[in-house]
Amino acid sequence: MHIETFVFAQIVQFPPQMLFRRILAKYNGRTNERSMSHWNYFMVLMFGQLMNCESLRELTFIAIAHAKNSEHLGFGPKPINRQMLSKA
């Protein structure tokens, strides 16, 4: 059983979430309630950059593999699939 925080969860603490939300409100970011939030989408893309993913398909395979830990990684409570990422 994993007790400590993940390395990615520690890296996620650096980008200021309040500044991100302020910029999102300034530029009228669209929100889609059926899909993931902008912050969760940002977390998934940042995870893909750190994992050196070359395609959306590769990113979704990795996100599906970590589906049990998706909330702890910052992806949100719903498991990530390709359709969610392509709509976002």
PDB file of N, CA and C in Angstrom:
ATOM      1  N   MET A   1       0.834  -1.178   0.000  1.00  0.00           N
ATOM      2  CA  MET A   1       0.000   0.000   0.000  1.00  0.00           C
ATOM      3  C   MET A   1       0.883   1.247   0.000  1.00  0.00           C
ATOM      4  N   HIS A   2       0.548   2.182  -0.848  1.00  0.00           N
ATOM      5  CA  HIS A   2       1.338   3.405  -0.996  1.00  0.00           C
ATOM      6  C   HIS A   2       0.880   4.433   0.030  1.00  0.00           C
ATOM      7  N   ILE A   3       1.804   4.913   0.852  1.00  0.00           N
ATOM      8  CA  ILE A   3       1.456   5.829   1.938  1.00  0.00           C
ATOM      9  C   ILE A   3       1.863   7.264   1.622  1.00  0.00           C
ATOM     10  N   GLU A   4       3.057   7.455   1.076  1.00  0.00           N
ATOM     11  CA  GLU A   4       3.560   8.806   0.825  1.00  0.00           C
ATOM     12  C   GLU A   4       2.962   9.390  -0.449  1.00  0.00           C
ATOM     13  N   THR A   5       3.230  10.673  -0.689  1.00  0.00           N
ATOM     14  CA  THR A   5       2.699  11.331  -1.885  1.00  0.00           C
ATOM     15  C   THR A   5       3.562  10.984  -3.091  1.00  0.00           C
ATOM     16  N   PHE A   6       2.932  10.980  -4.270  1.00  0.00           N
ATOM     17  CA  PHE A   6       3.646  10.712  -5.505  1.00  0.00           C
ATOM     18  C   PHE A   6       4.548  11.893  -5.844  1.00  0.00           C
ATOM     19  N   VAL A   7       5.579  11.644  -6.635  1.00  0.00           N
ATOM     20  CA  VAL A   7       6.481  12.708  -7.056  1.00  0.00           C
ATOM     21  C   VAL A   7       5.711  13.721  -7.903  1.00  0.00           C
ATOM     22  N   PHE A   8       4.823  13.244  -8.774  1.00  0.00           N
ATOM     23  CA  PHE A   8       4.035  14.152  -9.601  1.00  0.00           C
ATOM     24  C   PHE A   8       3.135  15.038  -8.741  1.00  0.00           C
ATOM     25  N   ALA A   9       2.575  14.491  -7.670  1.00  0.00           N
ATOM     26  CA  ALA A   9       1.733  15.279  -6.767  1.00  0.00           C
ATOM     27  C   ALA A   9       2.550  16.372  -6.078  1.00  0.00           C
ATOM     28  N   GLN A  10       3.822  16.120  -5.843  1.00  0.00           N
ATOM     29  CA  GLN A  10       4.678  17.136  -5.258  1.00  0.00           C
ATOM     30  C   GLN A  10       5.024  18.222  -6.278  1.00  0.00           C
ATOM     31  N   ILE A  11       5.202  17.842  -7.543  1.00  0.00           N
ATOM     32  CA  ILE A  11       5.494  18.813  -8.600  1.00  0.00           C
ATOM     33  C   ILE A  11       4.283  19.691  -8.869  1.00  0.00           C
ATOM     34  N   VAL A  12       3.086  19.131  -8.740  1.00  0.00           N
ATOM     35  CA  VAL A  12       1.841  19.845  -9.009  1.00  0.00           C
ATOM     36  C   VAL A  12       1.650  21.019  -8.052  1.00  0.00           C
ATOM     37  N   GLN A  13       2.260  20.980  -6.909  1.00  0.00           N
ATOM     38  CA  GLN A  13       2.094  22.048  -5.928  1.00  0.00           C
ATOM     39  C   GLN A  13       2.755  23.350  -6.366  1.00  0.00           C
ATOM     40  N   PHE A  14       3.673  23.322  -7.353  1.00  0.00           N
ATOM     41  CA  PHE A  14       4.382  24.524  -7.779  1.00  0.00           C
ATOM     42  C   PHE A  14       3.534  25.489  -8.605  1.00  0.00           C
ATOM     43  N   PRO A  15       2.754  25.031  -9.620  1.00  0.00           N
ATOM     44  CA  PRO A  15       1.961  26.025 -10.366  1.00  0.00           C
ATOM     45  C   PRO A  15       0.844  26.592  -9.497  1.00  0.00           C
ATOM     46  N   PRO A  16       0.731  27.906  -9.397  1.00  0.00           N
ATOM     47  CA  PRO A  16      -0.300  28.506  -8.545  1.00  0.00           C
ATOM     48  C   PRO A  16      -1.692  28.347  -9.158  1.00  0.00           C
ATOM     49  N   GLN A  17      -2.561  27.627  -8.481  1.00  0.00           N
ATOM     50  CA  GLN A  17      -3.897  27.352  -8.992  1.00  0.00           C
ATOM     51  C   GLN A  17      -4.765  28.607  -9.020  1.00  0.00           C
ATOM     52  N   MET A  18      -4.583  29.514  -8.075  1.00  0.00           N
ATOM     53  CA  MET A  18      -5.373  30.750  -8.067  1.00  0.00           C
ATOM     54  C   MET A  18      -5.037  31.633  -9.274  1.00  0.00           C
ATOM     55  N   LEU A  19      -3.767  31.721  -9.631  1.00  0.00           N
ATOM     56  CA  LEU A  19      -3.365  32.477 -10.806  1.00  0.00           C
ATOM     57  C   LEU A  19      -3.928  31.839 -12.074  1.00  0.00           C
ATOM     58  N   PHE A  20      -3.924  30.515 -12.125  1.00  0.00           N
ATOM     59  CA  PHE A  20      -4.485  29.797 -13.266  1.00  0.00           C
ATOM     60  C   PHE A  20      -5.971  30.107 -13.423  1.00  0.00           C
ATOM     61  N   ARG A  21      -6.707  30.097 -12.320  1.00  0.00           N
ATOM     62  CA  ARG A  21      -8.144  30.395 -12.381  1.00  0.00           C
ATOM     63  C   ARG A  21      -8.412  31.854 -12.744  1.00  0.00           C
ATOM     64  N   ARG A  22      -7.555  32.763 -12.289  1.00  0.00           N
ATOM     65  CA  ARG A  22      -7.710  34.171 -12.624  1.00  0.00           C
ATOM     66  C   ARG A  22      -7.504  34.400 -14.116  1.00  0.00           C
ATOM     67  N   ILE A  23      -6.501  33.767 -14.693  1.00  0.00           N
ATOM     68  CA  ILE A  23      -6.257  33.881 -16.135  1.00  0.00           C
ATOM     69  C   ILE A  23      -7.402  33.255 -16.911  1.00  0.00           C
ATOM     70  N   LEU A  24      -7.921  32.139 -16.428  1.00  0.00           N
ATOM     71  CA  LEU A  24      -9.054  31.472 -17.072  1.00  0.00           C
ATOM     72  C   LEU A  24     -10.289  32.373 -17.067  1.00  0.00           C
ATOM     73  N   ALA A  25     -10.536  33.049 -15.966  1.00  0.00           N
ATOM     74  CA  ALA A  25     -11.685  33.961 -15.889  1.00  0.00           C
ATOM     75  C   ALA A  25     -11.470  35.195 -16.767  1.00  0.00           C
ATOM     76  N   LYS A  26     -10.231  35.654 -16.855  1.00  0.00           N
ATOM     77  CA  LYS A  26      -9.938  36.833 -17.661  1.00  0.00           C
ATOM     78  C   LYS A  26     -10.195  36.589 -19.139  1.00  0.00           C
ATOM     79  N   TYR A  27      -9.839  35.411 -19.615  1.00  0.00           N
ATOM     80  CA  TYR A  27      -9.984  35.107 -21.032  1.00  0.00           C
ATOM     81  C   TYR A  27     -11.224  34.268 -21.327  1.00  0.00           C
ATOM     82  N   ASN A  28     -12.183  34.244 -20.407  1.00  0.00           N
ATOM     83  CA  ASN A  28     -13.469  33.575 -20.584  1.00  0.00           C
ATOM     84  C   ASN A  28     -13.312  32.130 -21.051  1.00  0.00           C
ATOM     85  N   GLY A  29     -12.637  31.332 -20.241  1.00  0.00           N
ATOM     86  CA  GLY A  29     -12.461  29.927 -20.590  1.00  0.00           C
ATOM     87  C   GLY A  29     -13.780  29.183 -20.596  1.00  0.00           C
ATOM     88  N   ARG A  30     -14.010  28.414 -21.647  1.00  0.00           N
ATOM     89  CA  ARG A  30     -15.248  27.637 -21.730  1.00  0.00           C
ATOM     90  C   ARG A  30     -15.203  26.513 -20.714  1.00  0.00           C
ATOM     91  N   THR A  31     -16.335  26.244 -20.093  1.00  0.00           N
ATOM     92  CA  THR A  31     -16.428  25.112 -19.183  1.00  0.00           C
ATOM     93  C   THR A  31     -17.445  24.138 -19.733  1.00  0.00           C
ATOM     94  N   ASN A  32     -17.091  22.889 -19.708  1.00  0.00           N
ATOM     95  CA  ASN A  32     -17.970  21.832 -20.168  1.00  0.00           C
ATOM     96  C   ASN A  32     -18.174  20.891 -18.990  1.00  0.00           C
ATOM     97  N   GLU A  33     -19.353  20.868 -18.445  1.00  0.00           N
ATOM     98  CA  GLU A  33     -19.617  20.091 -17.235  1.00  0.00           C
ATOM     99  C   GLU A  33     -19.499  18.587 -17.465  1.00  0.00           C
ATOM    100  N   ARG A  34     -19.716  18.139 -18.698  1.00  0.00           N
ATOM    101  CA  ARG A  34     -19.637  16.707 -18.966  1.00  0.00           C
ATOM    102  C   ARG A  34     -18.200  16.230 -19.043  1.00  0.00           C
ATOM    103  N   SER A  35     -17.290  17.115 -19.327  1.00  0.00           N
ATOM    104  CA  SER A  35     -15.895  16.753 -19.483  1.00  0.00           C
ATOM    105  C   SER A  35     -15.124  17.096 -18.206  1.00  0.00           C
ATOM    106  N   MET A  36     -13.826  17.153 -18.310  1.00  0.00           N
ATOM    107  CA  MET A  36     -12.986  17.462 -17.148  1.00  0.00           C
ATOM    108  C   MET A  36     -12.794  18.969 -17.015  1.00  0.00           C
ATOM    109  N   SER A  37     -12.353  19.394 -15.852  1.00  0.00           N
ATOM    110  CA  SER A  37     -12.117  20.820 -15.638  1.00  0.00           C
ATOM    111  C   SER A  37     -10.815  21.236 -16.333  1.00  0.00           C
ATOM    112  N   HIS A  38     -10.629  22.532 -16.460  1.00  0.00           N
ATOM    113  CA  HIS A  38      -9.430  23.048 -17.113  1.00  0.00           C
ATOM    114  C   HIS A  38      -8.183  22.699 -16.315  1.00  0.00           C
ATOM    115  N   TRP A  39      -8.283  22.748 -15.004  1.00  0.00           N
ATOM    116  CA  TRP A  39      -7.133  22.426 -14.156  1.00  0.00           C
ATOM    117  C   TRP A  39      -6.760  20.954 -14.302  1.00  0.00           C
ATOM    118  N   ASN A  40      -7.752  20.058 -14.331  1.00  0.00           N
ATOM    119  CA  ASN A  40      -7.473  18.632 -14.503  1.00  0.00           C
ATOM    120  C   ASN A  40      -6.861  18.362 -15.881  1.00  0.00           C
ATOM    121  N   TYR A  41      -7.359  19.059 -16.897  1.00  0.00           N
ATOM    122  CA  TYR A  41      -6.802  18.927 -18.235  1.00  0.00           C
ATOM    123  C   TYR A  41      -5.350  19.398 -18.255  1.00  0.00           C
ATOM    124  N   PHE A  42      -5.066  20.492 -17.568  1.00  0.00           N
ATOM    125  CA  PHE A  42      -3.699  20.984 -17.461  1.00  0.00           C
ATOM    126  C   PHE A  42      -2.804  19.965 -16.761  1.00  0.00           C
ATOM    127  N   MET A  43      -3.320  19.318 -15.721  1.00  0.00           N
ATOM    128  CA  MET A  43      -2.544  18.311 -14.992  1.00  0.00           C
ATOM    129  C   MET A  43      -2.226  17.115 -15.883  1.00  0.00           C
ATOM    130  N   VAL A  44      -3.200  16.673 -16.667  1.00  0.00           N
ATOM    131  CA  VAL A  44      -2.977  15.528 -17.561  1.00  0.00           C
ATOM    132  C   VAL A  44      -1.935  15.881 -18.616  1.00  0.00           C
ATOM    133  N   LEU A  45      -2.030  17.080 -19.184  1.00  0.00           N
ATOM    134  CA  LEU A  45      -1.052  17.488 -20.193  1.00  0.00           C
ATOM    135  C   LEU A  45       0.342  17.657 -19.595  1.00  0.00           C
ATOM    136  N   MET A  46       0.422  18.170 -18.374  1.00  0.00           N
ATOM    137  CA  MET A  46       1.712  18.298 -17.718  1.00  0.00           C
ATOM    138  C   MET A  46       2.300  16.923 -17.421  1.00  0.00           C
ATOM    139  N   PHE A  47       1.459  15.983 -17.030  1.00  0.00           N
ATOM    140  CA  PHE A  47       1.904  14.612 -16.795  1.00  0.00           C
ATOM    141  C   PHE A  47       2.429  14.004 -18.094  1.00  0.00           C
ATOM    142  N   GLY A  48       1.728  14.269 -19.204  1.00  0.00           N
ATOM    143  CA  GLY A  48       2.177  13.766 -20.499  1.00  0.00           C
ATOM    144  C   GLY A  48       3.516  14.350 -20.913  1.00  0.00           C
ATOM    145  N   GLN A  49       3.737  15.620 -20.631  1.00  0.00           N
ATOM    146  CA  GLN A  49       5.021  16.246 -20.944  1.00  0.00           C
ATOM    147  C   GLN A  49       6.142  15.620 -20.120  1.00  0.00           C
ATOM    148  N   LEU A  50       5.883  15.394 -18.837  1.00  0.00           N
ATOM    149  CA  LEU A  50       6.913  14.811 -17.973  1.00  0.00           C
ATOM    150  C   LEU A  50       7.187  13.355 -18.318  1.00  0.00           C
ATOM    151  N   MET A  51       6.175  12.649 -18.830  1.00  0.00           N
ATOM    152  CA  MET A  51       6.353  11.252 -19.221  1.00  0.00           C
ATOM    153  C   MET A  51       6.857  11.124 -20.656  1.00  0.00           C
ATOM    154  N   ASN A  52       7.041  12.262 -21.341  1.00  0.00           N
ATOM    155  CA  ASN A  52       7.549  12.314 -22.706  1.00  0.00           C
ATOM    156  C   ASN A  52       6.639  11.548 -23.669  1.00  0.00           C
ATOM    157  N   CYS A  53       5.349  11.777 -23.562  1.00  0.00           N
ATOM    158  CA  CYS A  53       4.378  11.150 -24.459  1.00  0.00           C
ATOM    159  C   CYS A  53       4.416  11.843 -25.811  1.00  0.00           C
ATOM    160  N   GLU A  54       4.363  11.045 -26.867  1.00  0.00           N
ATOM    161  CA  GLU A  54       4.431  11.603 -28.208  1.00  0.00           C
ATOM    162  C   GLU A  54       3.072  11.714 -28.871  1.00  0.00           C
ATOM    163  N   SER A  55       2.035  11.129 -28.296  1.00  0.00           N
ATOM    164  CA  SER A  55       0.711  11.196 -28.919  1.00  0.00           C
ATOM    165  C   SER A  55      -0.371  11.161 -27.843  1.00  0.00           C
ATOM    166  N   LEU A  56      -1.557  11.532 -28.251  1.00  0.00           N
ATOM    167  CA  LEU A  56      -2.714  11.494 -27.353  1.00  0.00           C
ATOM    168  C   LEU A  56      -3.038  10.058 -26.957  1.00  0.00           C
ATOM    169  N   ARG A  57      -2.865   9.143 -27.889  1.00  0.00           N
ATOM    170  CA  ARG A  57      -3.127   7.732 -27.603  1.00  0.00           C
ATOM    171  C   ARG A  57      -2.185   7.199 -26.521  1.00  0.00           C
ATOM    172  N   GLU A  58      -0.922   7.559 -26.606  1.00  0.00           N
ATOM    173  CA  GLU A  58       0.042   7.128 -25.601  1.00  0.00           C
ATOM    174  C   GLU A  58      -0.297   7.723 -24.233  1.00  0.00           C
ATOM    175  N   LEU A  59      -0.699   8.975 -24.215  1.00  0.00           N
ATOM    176  CA  LEU A  59      -1.087   9.630 -22.966  1.00  0.00           C
ATOM    177  C   LEU A  59      -2.306   8.960 -22.345  1.00  0.00           C
ATOM    178  N   THR A  60      -3.279   8.596 -23.162  1.00  0.00           N
ATOM    179  CA  THR A  60      -4.475   7.939 -22.616  1.00  0.00           C
ATOM    180  C   THR A  60      -4.151   6.550 -22.096  1.00  0.00           C
ATOM    181  N   PHE A  61      -3.250   5.825 -22.751  1.00  0.00           N
ATOM    182  CA  PHE A  61      -2.864   4.506 -22.242  1.00  0.00           C
ATOM    183  C   PHE A  61      -2.211   4.616 -20.867  1.00  0.00           C
ATOM    184  N   ILE A  62      -1.373   5.627 -20.699  1.00  0.00           N
ATOM    185  CA  ILE A  62      -0.720   5.829 -19.404  1.00  0.00           C
ATOM    186  C   ILE A  62      -1.745   6.269 -18.358  1.00  0.00           C
ATOM    187  N   ALA A  63      -2.665   7.149 -18.736  1.00  0.00           N
ATOM    188  CA  ALA A  63      -3.694   7.618 -17.796  1.00  0.00           C
ATOM    189  C   ALA A  63      -4.630   6.483 -17.395  1.00  0.00           C
ATOM    190  N   ILE A  64      -4.948   5.588 -18.329  1.00  0.00           N
ATOM    191  CA  ILE A  64      -5.791   4.435 -18.008  1.00  0.00           C
ATOM    192  C   ILE A  64      -5.054   3.477 -17.083  1.00  0.00           C
ATOM    193  N   ALA A  65      -3.746   3.333 -17.284  1.00  0.00           N
ATOM    194  CA  ALA A  65      -2.955   2.465 -16.422  1.00  0.00           C
ATOM    195  C   ALA A  65      -2.920   2.991 -14.984  1.00  0.00           C
ATOM    196  N   HIS A  66      -2.996   4.310 -14.826  1.00  0.00           N
ATOM    197  CA  HIS A  66      -2.989   4.927 -13.491  1.00  0.00           C
ATOM    198  C   HIS A  66      -4.394   5.340 -13.054  1.00  0.00           C
ATOM    199  N   ALA A  67      -5.417   4.669 -13.556  1.00  0.00           N
ATOM    200  CA  ALA A  67      -6.806   5.062 -13.273  1.00  0.00           C
ATOM    201  C   ALA A  67      -7.137   5.000 -11.788  1.00  0.00           C
ATOM    202  N   LYS A  68      -6.583   4.040 -11.063  1.00  0.00           N
ATOM    203  CA  LYS A  68      -6.877   3.933  -9.632  1.00  0.00           C
ATOM    204  C   LYS A  68      -6.314   5.110  -8.849  1.00  0.00           C
ATOM    205  N   ASN A  69      -5.239   5.697  -9.345  1.00  0.00           N
ATOM    206  CA  ASN A  69      -4.581   6.806  -8.644  1.00  0.00           C
ATOM    207  C   ASN A  69      -4.856   8.146  -9.298  1.00  0.00           C
ATOM    208  N   SER A  70      -5.870   8.220 -10.161  1.00  0.00           N
ATOM    209  CA  SER A  70      -6.081   9.448 -10.930  1.00  0.00           C
ATOM    210  C   SER A  70      -6.407  10.649 -10.050  1.00  0.00           C
ATOM    211  N   GLU A  71      -7.158  10.450  -8.992  1.00  0.00           N
ATOM    212  CA  GLU A  71      -7.488  11.576  -8.120  1.00  0.00           C
ATOM    213  C   GLU A  71      -6.274  12.024  -7.314  1.00  0.00           C
ATOM    214  N   HIS A  72      -5.428  11.094  -6.911  1.00  0.00           N
ATOM    215  CA  HIS A  72      -4.229  11.448  -6.156  1.00  0.00           C
ATOM    216  C   HIS A  72      -3.204  12.165  -7.039  1.00  0.00           C
ATOM    217  N   LEU A  73      -3.238  11.870  -8.345  1.00  0.00           N
ATOM    218  CA  LEU A  73      -2.321  12.538  -9.267  1.00  0.00           C
ATOM    219  C   LEU A  73      -2.808  13.906  -9.690  1.00  0.00           C
ATOM    220  N   GLY A  74      -4.071  14.217  -9.432  1.00  0.00           N
ATOM    221  CA  GLY A  74      -4.616  15.522  -9.777  1.00  0.00           C
ATOM    222  C   GLY A  74      -5.443  15.517 -11.046  1.00  0.00           C
ATOM    223  N   PHE A  75      -5.800  14.344 -11.556  1.00  0.00           N
ATOM    224  CA  PHE A  75      -6.573  14.243 -12.791  1.00  0.00           C
ATOM    225  C   PHE A  75      -8.063  14.360 -12.556  1.00  0.00           C
ATOM    226  N   GLY A  76      -8.499  14.340 -11.329  1.00  0.00           N
ATOM    227  CA  GLY A  76      -9.926  14.404 -11.031  1.00  0.00           C
ATOM    228  C   GLY A  76     -10.479  13.035 -10.678  1.00  0.00           C
ATOM    229  N   PRO A  77     -11.737  12.992 -10.201  1.00  0.00           N
ATOM    230  CA  PRO A  77     -12.308  11.729  -9.737  1.00  0.00           C
ATOM    231  C   PRO A  77     -12.674  10.758 -10.855  1.00  0.00           C
ATOM    232  N   LYS A  78     -12.941  11.277 -12.059  1.00  0.00           N
ATOM    233  CA  LYS A  78     -13.323  10.404 -13.173  1.00  0.00           C
ATOM    234  C   LYS A  78     -12.078   9.832 -13.838  1.00  0.00           C
ATOM    235  N   PRO A  79     -12.115   8.571 -14.250  1.00  0.00           N
ATOM    236  CA  PRO A  79     -10.972   8.038 -14.995  1.00  0.00           C
ATOM    237  C   PRO A  79     -10.873   8.711 -16.367  1.00  0.00           C
ATOM    238  N   ILE A  80      -9.660   8.917 -16.830  1.00  0.00           N
ATOM    239  CA  ILE A  80      -9.403   9.622 -18.083  1.00  0.00           C
ATOM    240  C   ILE A  80      -9.498   8.639 -19.246  1.00  0.00           C
ATOM    241  N   ASN A  81     -10.171   9.044 -20.319  1.00  0.00           N
ATOM    242  CA  ASN A  81     -10.166   8.253 -21.544  1.00  0.00           C
ATOM    243  C   ASN A  81      -9.878   9.169 -22.728  1.00  0.00           C
ATOM    244  N   ARG A  82      -9.707   8.578 -23.897  1.00  0.00           N
ATOM    245  CA  ARG A  82      -9.316   9.338 -25.084  1.00  0.00           C
ATOM    246  C   ARG A  82     -10.394  10.329 -25.489  1.00  0.00           C
ATOM    247  N   GLN A  83     -11.643   9.956 -25.330  1.00  0.00           N
ATOM    248  CA  GLN A  83     -12.742  10.829 -25.722  1.00  0.00           C
ATOM    249  C   GLN A  83     -12.768  12.106 -24.872  1.00  0.00           C
ATOM    250  N   MET A  84     -12.502  11.968 -23.579  1.00  0.00           N
ATOM    251  CA  MET A  84     -12.476  13.138 -22.705  1.00  0.00           C
ATOM    252  C   MET A  84     -11.349  14.099 -23.101  1.00  0.00           C
ATOM    253  N   LEU A  85     -10.181  13.547 -23.404  1.00  0.00           N
ATOM    254  CA  LEU A  85      -9.056  14.407 -23.766  1.00  0.00           C
ATOM    255  C   LEU A  85      -9.254  15.066 -25.114  1.00  0.00           C
ATOM    256  N   SER A  86      -9.841  14.355 -26.067  1.00  0.00           N
ATOM    257  CA  SER A  86     -10.011  14.947 -27.384  1.00  0.00           C
ATOM    258  C   SER A  86     -11.087  16.030 -27.364  1.00  0.00           C
ATOM    259  N   LYS A  87     -12.110  15.888 -26.515  1.00  0.00           N
ATOM    260  CA  LYS A  87     -13.146  16.921 -26.416  1.00  0.00           C
ATOM    261  C   LYS A  87     -12.626  18.152 -25.674  1.00  0.00           C
ATOM    262  N   ALA A  88     -11.748  17.930 -24.706  1.00  0.00           N
ATOM    263  CA  ALA A  88     -11.214  19.058 -23.940  1.00  0.00           C
ATOM    264  C   ALA A  88     -10.276  19.861 -24.813  1.00  0.00           C
TER     265      ALA A  88
END
